[in-house]
Amino acid sequence: MGILDWLLGRTPPKRPTATTSQKRSTPPVITPVAAPKGLAVTINRPGGIVETKVVEPDGTTFDDWVADMEKKESPAARQPRIQKVSVDERALSILDIRGVDSIRVRIVGSAYCLTHKERDTFGGAEYLLKPEPENKHDPHAIAVYGRGRKVGYVSSAKASALSGILATMPFDAFRIAGASTTESSSRMWADLPRLPALRTFAKGHPAP
């Protein structure tokens, strides 16, 4: 207030105060949050090479990295571990059931029993069905042998239906027809007896 205004008793007008909307807003307080730590993944590659990488916790990045690691593996490393199982046919009691009405199906699990080269060696026009009631994974399992070597299995669904009928006949193995690989396919095929025909056949070969 000036000296003249004070002498004349004038009261200076009040200065307008800033409204709430005109007040400068206070910036929010941001608390820094630590980013999640990456996932350290280690893979043992062929040749004794150990590769470790820290992968950020996002699924796509991790999946891409795993796919990349698989591409780096040699074909031998990607090959399933093969279990070579042989049997001496001379020590088995074998019943020939090739005359029973049958249906051709693919032999499964061959990749765990044979290499690709061995498929040509042990595949053929006939095979042995050998039930495996002691199999800890599936008591109904039926292995397929070619020229004394296990070449795969009957699918679990068909084995479940066949095993009970085969068990009624007192034989270790059953000879069936089939087919080997071709130039265009590495698959092997087994001619499995049809259930009605096999039941009828089994009645003529009962267990003692």
C-alpha atoms as a PDB file:
ATOM      1  CA  MET A   1       0.000   0.000   0.000  1.00  0.00           C
ATOM      2  CA  GLY A   2       1.411   3.434  -0.972  1.00  0.00           C
ATOM      3  CA  ILE A   3       1.958   6.265   1.594  1.00  0.00           C
ATOM      4  CA  LEU A   4      -0.823   8.348   0.011  1.00  0.00           C
ATOM      5  CA  ASP A   5      -3.342   5.594   0.343  1.00  0.00           C
ATOM      6  CA  TRP A   6      -2.378   5.138   3.976  1.00  0.00           C
ATOM      7  CA  LEU A   7      -2.828   8.837   4.727  1.00  0.00           C
ATOM      8  CA  LEU A   8      -6.234   8.945   3.024  1.00  0.00           C
ATOM      9  CA  GLY A   9      -7.349   5.806   4.753  1.00  0.00           C
ATOM     10  CA  ARG A  10      -7.750   3.851   1.581  1.00  0.00           C
ATOM     11  CA  THR A  11      -7.700   0.131   1.743  1.00  0.00           C
ATOM     12  CA  PRO A  12      -6.050  -1.476  -1.209  1.00  0.00           C
ATOM     13  CA  PRO A  13      -8.075  -4.175  -2.936  1.00  0.00           C
ATOM     14  CA  LYS A  14      -7.180  -7.718  -2.040  1.00  0.00           C
ATOM     15  CA  ARG A  15      -5.222  -9.532  -4.601  1.00  0.00           C
ATOM     16  CA  PRO A  16      -7.148 -12.433  -6.041  1.00  0.00           C
ATOM     17  CA  THR A  17      -5.919 -15.814  -4.807  1.00  0.00           C
ATOM     18  CA  ALA A  18      -5.386 -18.688  -7.149  1.00  0.00           C
ATOM     19  CA  THR A  19      -8.246 -21.184  -7.279  1.00  0.00           C
ATOM     20  CA  THR A  20      -7.657 -24.864  -6.741  1.00  0.00           C
ATOM     21  CA  SER A  21      -7.779 -25.485 -10.459  1.00  0.00           C
ATOM     22  CA  GLN A  22      -5.217 -22.793 -11.007  1.00  0.00           C
ATOM     23  CA  LYS A  23      -2.813 -24.226  -8.452  1.00  0.00           C
ATOM     24  CA  ARG A  24       0.002 -26.202  -9.913  1.00  0.00           C
ATOM     25  CA  SER A  25      -0.728 -29.874  -9.365  1.00  0.00           C
ATOM     26  CA  THR A  26       1.781 -31.827  -7.353  1.00  0.00           C
ATOM     27  CA  PRO A  27       3.456 -34.484  -9.483  1.00  0.00           C
ATOM     28  CA  PRO A  28       2.782 -38.051  -8.305  1.00  0.00           C
ATOM     29  CA  VAL A  29       5.488 -39.790  -6.383  1.00  0.00           C
ATOM     30  CA  ILE A  30       6.861 -42.658  -8.430  1.00  0.00           C
ATOM     31  CA  THR A  31       8.456 -45.472  -6.504  1.00  0.00           C
ATOM     32  CA  PRO A  32      10.882 -47.357  -8.663  1.00  0.00           C
ATOM     33  CA  VAL A  33      10.166 -51.095  -8.848  1.00  0.00           C
ATOM     34  CA  ALA A  34      12.988 -53.462  -9.502  1.00  0.00           C
ATOM     35  CA  ALA A  35      12.589 -55.355 -12.762  1.00  0.00           C
ATOM     36  CA  PRO A  36      12.266 -59.125 -12.375  1.00  0.00           C
ATOM     37  CA  LYS A  37      15.509 -60.948 -12.736  1.00  0.00           C
ATOM     38  CA  GLY A  38      16.098 -62.957 -15.866  1.00  0.00           C
ATOM     39  CA  LEU A  39      16.083 -66.751 -15.875  1.00  0.00           C
ATOM     40  CA  ALA A  40      19.471 -68.373 -16.239  1.00  0.00           C
ATOM     41  CA  VAL A  41      19.125 -71.448 -18.431  1.00  0.00           C
ATOM     42  CA  THR A  42      21.920 -73.877 -19.126  1.00  0.00           C
ATOM     43  CA  ILE A  43      21.978 -76.445 -21.918  1.00  0.00           C
ATOM     44  CA  ASN A  44      24.568 -79.148 -22.541  1.00  0.00           C
ATOM     45  CA  ARG A  45      25.255 -79.347 -26.233  1.00  0.00           C
ATOM     46  CA  PRO A  46      27.005 -82.201 -28.064  1.00  0.00           C
ATOM     47  CA  GLY A  47      30.767 -82.238 -27.799  1.00  0.00           C
ATOM     48  CA  GLY A  48      30.819 -81.183 -24.144  1.00  0.00           C
ATOM     49  CA  ILE A  49      29.831 -77.591 -24.900  1.00  0.00           C
ATOM     50  CA  VAL A  50      27.889 -75.924 -22.097  1.00  0.00           C
ATOM     51  CA  GLU A  51      25.899 -72.848 -23.073  1.00  0.00           C
ATOM     52  CA  THR A  52      24.244 -70.571 -20.523  1.00  0.00           C
ATOM     53  CA  LYS A  53      21.965 -67.649 -21.272  1.00  0.00           C
ATOM     54  CA  VAL A  54      19.948 -65.281 -19.091  1.00  0.00           C
ATOM     55  CA  VAL A  55      16.482 -65.090 -20.569  1.00  0.00           C
ATOM     56  CA  GLU A  56      14.047 -62.364 -19.639  1.00  0.00           C
ATOM     57  CA  PRO A  57      10.849 -63.778 -18.124  1.00  0.00           C
ATOM     58  CA  ASP A  58       8.704 -63.526 -21.209  1.00  0.00           C
ATOM     59  CA  GLY A  59       7.507 -66.729 -22.757  1.00  0.00           C
ATOM     60  CA  THR A  60       8.087 -65.827 -26.376  1.00  0.00           C
ATOM     61  CA  THR A  61      11.727 -64.957 -25.861  1.00  0.00           C
ATOM     62  CA  PHE A  62      12.357 -68.161 -23.949  1.00  0.00           C
ATOM     63  CA  ASP A  63      10.561 -70.316 -26.534  1.00  0.00           C
ATOM     64  CA  ASP A  64      12.512 -68.697 -29.320  1.00  0.00           C
ATOM     65  CA  TRP A  65      15.733 -69.385 -27.488  1.00  0.00           C
ATOM     66  CA  VAL A  66      14.841 -73.031 -26.890  1.00  0.00           C
ATOM     67  CA  ALA A  67      13.975 -73.442 -30.566  1.00  0.00           C
ATOM     68  CA  ASP A  68      17.323 -71.921 -31.459  1.00  0.00           C
ATOM     69  CA  MET A  69      19.128 -74.330 -29.155  1.00  0.00           C
ATOM     70  CA  GLU A  70      17.345 -77.285 -30.732  1.00  0.00           C
ATOM     71  CA  LYS A  71      18.438 -76.156 -34.167  1.00  0.00           C
ATOM     72  CA  LYS A  72      22.041 -76.132 -32.969  1.00  0.00           C
ATOM     73  CA  GLU A  73      21.832 -79.733 -31.800  1.00  0.00           C
ATOM     74  CA  SER A  74      23.209 -82.336 -34.130  1.00  0.00           C
ATOM     75  CA  PRO A  75      20.824 -84.895 -35.707  1.00  0.00           C
ATOM     76  CA  ALA A  76      22.377 -87.532 -33.450  1.00  0.00           C
ATOM     77  CA  ALA A  77      21.446 -85.520 -30.350  1.00  0.00           C
ATOM     78  CA  ARG A  78      17.844 -85.202 -31.521  1.00  0.00           C
ATOM     79  CA  GLN A  79      17.604 -88.939 -32.207  1.00  0.00           C
ATOM     80  CA  PRO A  80      15.678 -90.748 -29.427  1.00  0.00           C
ATOM     81  CA  ARG A  81      17.756 -93.078 -27.301  1.00  0.00           C
ATOM     82  CA  ILE A  82      17.522 -96.484 -28.980  1.00  0.00           C
ATOM     83  CA  GLN A  83      17.078 -99.620 -26.889  1.00  0.00           C
ATOM     84  CA  LYS A  84      18.305-102.598 -28.847  1.00  0.00           C
ATOM     85  CA  VAL A  85      16.414-105.708 -27.763  1.00  0.00           C
ATOM     86  CA  SER A  86      16.894-109.086 -29.422  1.00  0.00           C
ATOM     87  CA  VAL A  87      15.295-112.469 -28.962  1.00  0.00           C
ATOM     88  CA  ASP A  88      16.306-115.981 -29.983  1.00  0.00           C
ATOM     89  CA  GLU A  89      13.321-117.307 -31.902  1.00  0.00           C
ATOM     90  CA  ARG A  90      14.583-120.849 -31.468  1.00  0.00           C
ATOM     91  CA  ALA A  91      13.932-120.565 -27.739  1.00  0.00           C
ATOM     92  CA  LEU A  92      10.300-119.479 -28.205  1.00  0.00           C
ATOM     93  CA  SER A  93       7.134-121.460 -28.770  1.00  0.00           C
ATOM     94  CA  ILE A  94       5.605-119.740 -31.798  1.00  0.00           C
ATOM     95  CA  LEU A  95       2.124-120.058 -33.275  1.00  0.00           C
ATOM     96  CA  ASP A  96       1.605-119.044 -36.878  1.00  0.00           C
ATOM     97  CA  ILE A  97      -1.561-116.924 -37.164  1.00  0.00           C
ATOM     98  CA  ARG A  98      -0.959-115.517 -40.651  1.00  0.00           C
ATOM     99  CA  GLY A  99      -4.024-117.345 -41.922  1.00  0.00           C
ATOM    100  CA  VAL A 100      -6.383-115.414 -39.623  1.00  0.00           C
ATOM    101  CA  ASP A 101      -8.347-112.556 -41.210  1.00  0.00           C
ATOM    102  CA  SER A 102      -6.318-109.428 -40.510  1.00  0.00           C
ATOM    103  CA  ILE A 103      -5.971-105.684 -40.957  1.00  0.00           C
ATOM    104  CA  ARG A 104      -2.738-103.832 -41.762  1.00  0.00           C
ATOM    105  CA  VAL A 105      -1.648-101.255 -39.179  1.00  0.00           C
ATOM    106  CA  ARG A 106       1.461 -99.215 -38.573  1.00  0.00           C
ATOM    107  CA  ILE A 107       4.060-100.474 -36.110  1.00  0.00           C
ATOM    108  CA  VAL A 108       4.576 -97.729 -33.522  1.00  0.00           C
ATOM    109  CA  GLY A 109       7.613 -96.730 -31.449  1.00  0.00           C
ATOM    110  CA  SER A 110      10.152 -97.865 -34.042  1.00  0.00           C
ATOM    111  CA  ALA A 111      12.289 -94.761 -33.478  1.00  0.00           C
ATOM    112  CA  TYR A 112      13.113 -96.079 -29.983  1.00  0.00           C
ATOM    113  CA  CYS A 113      14.090 -99.538 -31.257  1.00  0.00           C
ATOM    114  CA  LEU A 114      15.876 -99.032 -34.572  1.00  0.00           C
ATOM    115  CA  THR A 115      17.918 -96.547 -36.523  1.00  0.00           C
ATOM    116  CA  HIS A 116      16.647 -95.592 -39.965  1.00  0.00           C
ATOM    117  CA  LYS A 117      19.228 -97.875 -41.564  1.00  0.00           C
ATOM    118  CA  GLU A 118      18.244-100.783 -39.331  1.00  0.00           C
ATOM    119  CA  ARG A 119      14.617-100.575 -40.448  1.00  0.00           C
ATOM    120  CA  ASP A 120      15.625-101.968 -43.813  1.00  0.00           C
ATOM    121  CA  THR A 121      17.598-104.738 -42.121  1.00  0.00           C
ATOM    122  CA  PHE A 122      14.996-105.983 -39.644  1.00  0.00           C
ATOM    123  CA  GLY A 123      11.813-105.070 -41.483  1.00  0.00           C
ATOM    124  CA  GLY A 124      10.257-107.679 -43.703  1.00  0.00           C
ATOM    125  CA  ALA A 125       7.182-109.564 -44.873  1.00  0.00           C
ATOM    126  CA  GLU A 126       6.628-111.229 -41.511  1.00  0.00           C
ATOM    127  CA  TYR A 127       6.950-110.378 -37.822  1.00  0.00           C
ATOM    128  CA  LEU A 128       6.429-111.865 -34.381  1.00  0.00           C
ATOM    129  CA  LEU A 129       3.945-110.527 -31.840  1.00  0.00           C
ATOM    130  CA  LYS A 130       5.347-111.044 -28.344  1.00  0.00           C
ATOM    131  CA  PRO A 131       3.133-109.999 -25.405  1.00  0.00           C
ATOM    132  CA  GLU A 132       4.889-108.226 -22.535  1.00  0.00           C
ATOM    133  CA  PRO A 133       2.709-108.768 -19.447  1.00  0.00           C
ATOM    134  CA  GLU A 134       5.690-107.779 -17.293  1.00  0.00           C
ATOM    135  CA  ASN A 135       5.925-104.348 -18.971  1.00  0.00           C
ATOM    136  CA  LYS A 136       5.862-101.816 -16.115  1.00  0.00           C
ATOM    137  CA  HIS A 137       4.309 -99.120 -18.293  1.00  0.00           C
ATOM    138  CA  ASP A 138       1.540-101.211 -19.830  1.00  0.00           C
ATOM    139  CA  PRO A 139       0.805-104.852 -18.909  1.00  0.00           C
ATOM    140  CA  HIS A 140      -1.143-105.192 -22.175  1.00  0.00           C
ATOM    141  CA  ALA A 141       1.858-104.195 -24.292  1.00  0.00           C
ATOM    142  CA  ILE A 142       2.653-106.303 -27.347  1.00  0.00           C
ATOM    143  CA  ALA A 143       6.113-105.970 -28.856  1.00  0.00           C
ATOM    144  CA  VAL A 144       6.787-106.585 -32.530  1.00  0.00           C
ATOM    145  CA  TYR A 145       9.965-108.423 -33.575  1.00  0.00           C
ATOM    146  CA  GLY A 146      11.511-108.696 -37.000  1.00  0.00           C
ATOM    147  CA  ARG A 147      14.289-111.187 -37.666  1.00  0.00           C
ATOM    148  CA  GLY A 148      14.996-111.503 -33.968  1.00  0.00           C
ATOM    149  CA  ARG A 149      15.099-107.776 -33.195  1.00  0.00           C
ATOM    150  CA  LYS A 150      12.425-105.650 -31.536  1.00  0.00           C
ATOM    151  CA  VAL A 151      11.208-103.196 -34.172  1.00  0.00           C
ATOM    152  CA  GLY A 152       8.379-101.500 -32.265  1.00  0.00           C
ATOM    153  CA  TYR A 153       5.002-102.099 -30.672  1.00  0.00           C
ATOM    154  CA  VAL A 154       1.352-102.603 -31.437  1.00  0.00           C
ATOM    155  CA  SER A 155      -0.557 -99.406 -30.565  1.00  0.00           C
ATOM    156  CA  SER A 156      -1.829 -99.411 -26.975  1.00  0.00           C
ATOM    157  CA  ALA A 157      -5.483 -99.377 -28.039  1.00  0.00           C
ATOM    158  CA  LYS A 158      -5.147-102.451 -30.250  1.00  0.00           C
ATOM    159  CA  ALA A 159      -2.827-104.209 -27.827  1.00  0.00           C
ATOM    160  CA  SER A 160      -5.384-103.834 -25.036  1.00  0.00           C
ATOM    161  CA  ALA A 161      -7.958-105.651 -27.160  1.00  0.00           C
ATOM    162  CA  LEU A 162      -5.605-108.345 -28.476  1.00  0.00           C
ATOM    163  CA  SER A 163      -3.618-109.239 -25.364  1.00  0.00           C
ATOM    164  CA  GLY A 164      -6.473-110.958 -23.557  1.00  0.00           C
ATOM    165  CA  ILE A 165      -7.163-113.273 -26.499  1.00  0.00           C
ATOM    166  CA  LEU A 166      -3.497-114.059 -27.100  1.00  0.00           C
ATOM    167  CA  ALA A 167      -3.123-114.920 -23.402  1.00  0.00           C
ATOM    168  CA  THR A 168      -5.622-117.772 -23.807  1.00  0.00           C
ATOM    169  CA  MET A 169      -3.218-119.577 -26.156  1.00  0.00           C
ATOM    170  CA  PRO A 170      -0.130-121.277 -24.646  1.00  0.00           C
ATOM    171  CA  PHE A 171       2.530-119.724 -26.858  1.00  0.00           C
ATOM    172  CA  ASP A 172       5.346-117.229 -26.331  1.00  0.00           C
ATOM    173  CA  ALA A 173       4.908-115.419 -29.633  1.00  0.00           C
ATOM    174  CA  PHE A 174       2.672-115.310 -32.709  1.00  0.00           C
ATOM    175  CA  ARG A 175       3.833-115.084 -36.296  1.00  0.00           C
ATOM    176  CA  ILE A 176       2.052-112.536 -38.493  1.00  0.00           C
ATOM    177  CA  ALA A 177       2.513-111.041 -41.952  1.00  0.00           C
ATOM    178  CA  GLY A 178       3.518-107.456 -42.578  1.00  0.00           C
ATOM    179  CA  ALA A 179       5.494-105.070 -44.731  1.00  0.00           C
ATOM    180  CA  SER A 180       8.843-103.312 -44.524  1.00  0.00           C
ATOM    181  CA  THR A 181       9.939 -99.825 -45.484  1.00  0.00           C
ATOM    182  CA  THR A 182       9.820 -98.452 -49.013  1.00  0.00           C
ATOM    183  CA  GLU A 183      11.806 -95.843 -50.901  1.00  0.00           C
ATOM    184  CA  SER A 184       9.167 -93.246 -50.080  1.00  0.00           C
ATOM    185  CA  SER A 185       8.382 -94.242 -46.472  1.00  0.00           C
ATOM    186  CA  SER A 186      10.312 -95.419 -43.406  1.00  0.00           C
ATOM    187  CA  ARG A 187       7.219 -96.898 -41.794  1.00  0.00           C
ATOM    188  CA  MET A 188       6.787-100.598 -41.092  1.00  0.00           C
ATOM    189  CA  TRP A 189       3.460-102.389 -41.096  1.00  0.00           C
ATOM    190  CA  ALA A 190       1.962-105.369 -39.266  1.00  0.00           C
ATOM    191  CA  ASP A 191      -1.064-107.439 -40.284  1.00  0.00           C
ATOM    192  CA  LEU A 192      -2.968-107.772 -36.992  1.00  0.00           C
ATOM    193  CA  PRO A 193      -5.705-110.394 -36.738  1.00  0.00           C
ATOM    194  CA  ARG A 194      -9.256-109.072 -36.514  1.00  0.00           C
ATOM    195  CA  LEU A 195     -10.784-109.689 -33.096  1.00  0.00           C
ATOM    196  CA  PRO A 196     -13.778-111.886 -34.108  1.00  0.00           C
ATOM    197  CA  ALA A 197     -11.565-114.068 -36.292  1.00  0.00           C
ATOM    198  CA  LEU A 198      -8.884-114.326 -33.610  1.00  0.00           C
ATOM    199  CA  ARG A 199     -11.421-115.361 -30.955  1.00  0.00           C
ATOM    200  CA  THR A 200     -12.652-118.151 -33.193  1.00  0.00           C
ATOM    201  CA  PHE A 201      -9.092-119.217 -33.959  1.00  0.00           C
ATOM    202  CA  ALA A 202      -8.106-119.169 -30.277  1.00  0.00           C
ATOM    203  CA  LYS A 203     -10.843-121.662 -29.367  1.00  0.00           C
ATOM    204  CA  GLY A 204      -8.939-124.282 -31.341  1.00  0.00           C
ATOM    205  CA  HIS A 205      -5.708-123.596 -29.443  1.00  0.00           C
ATOM    206  CA  PRO A 206      -6.718-123.380 -25.770  1.00  0.00           C
ATOM    207  CA  ALA A 207      -4.235-123.256 -22.936  1.00  0.00           C
ATOM    208  CA  PRO A 208      -3.845-126.599 -21.073  1.00  0.00           C
END
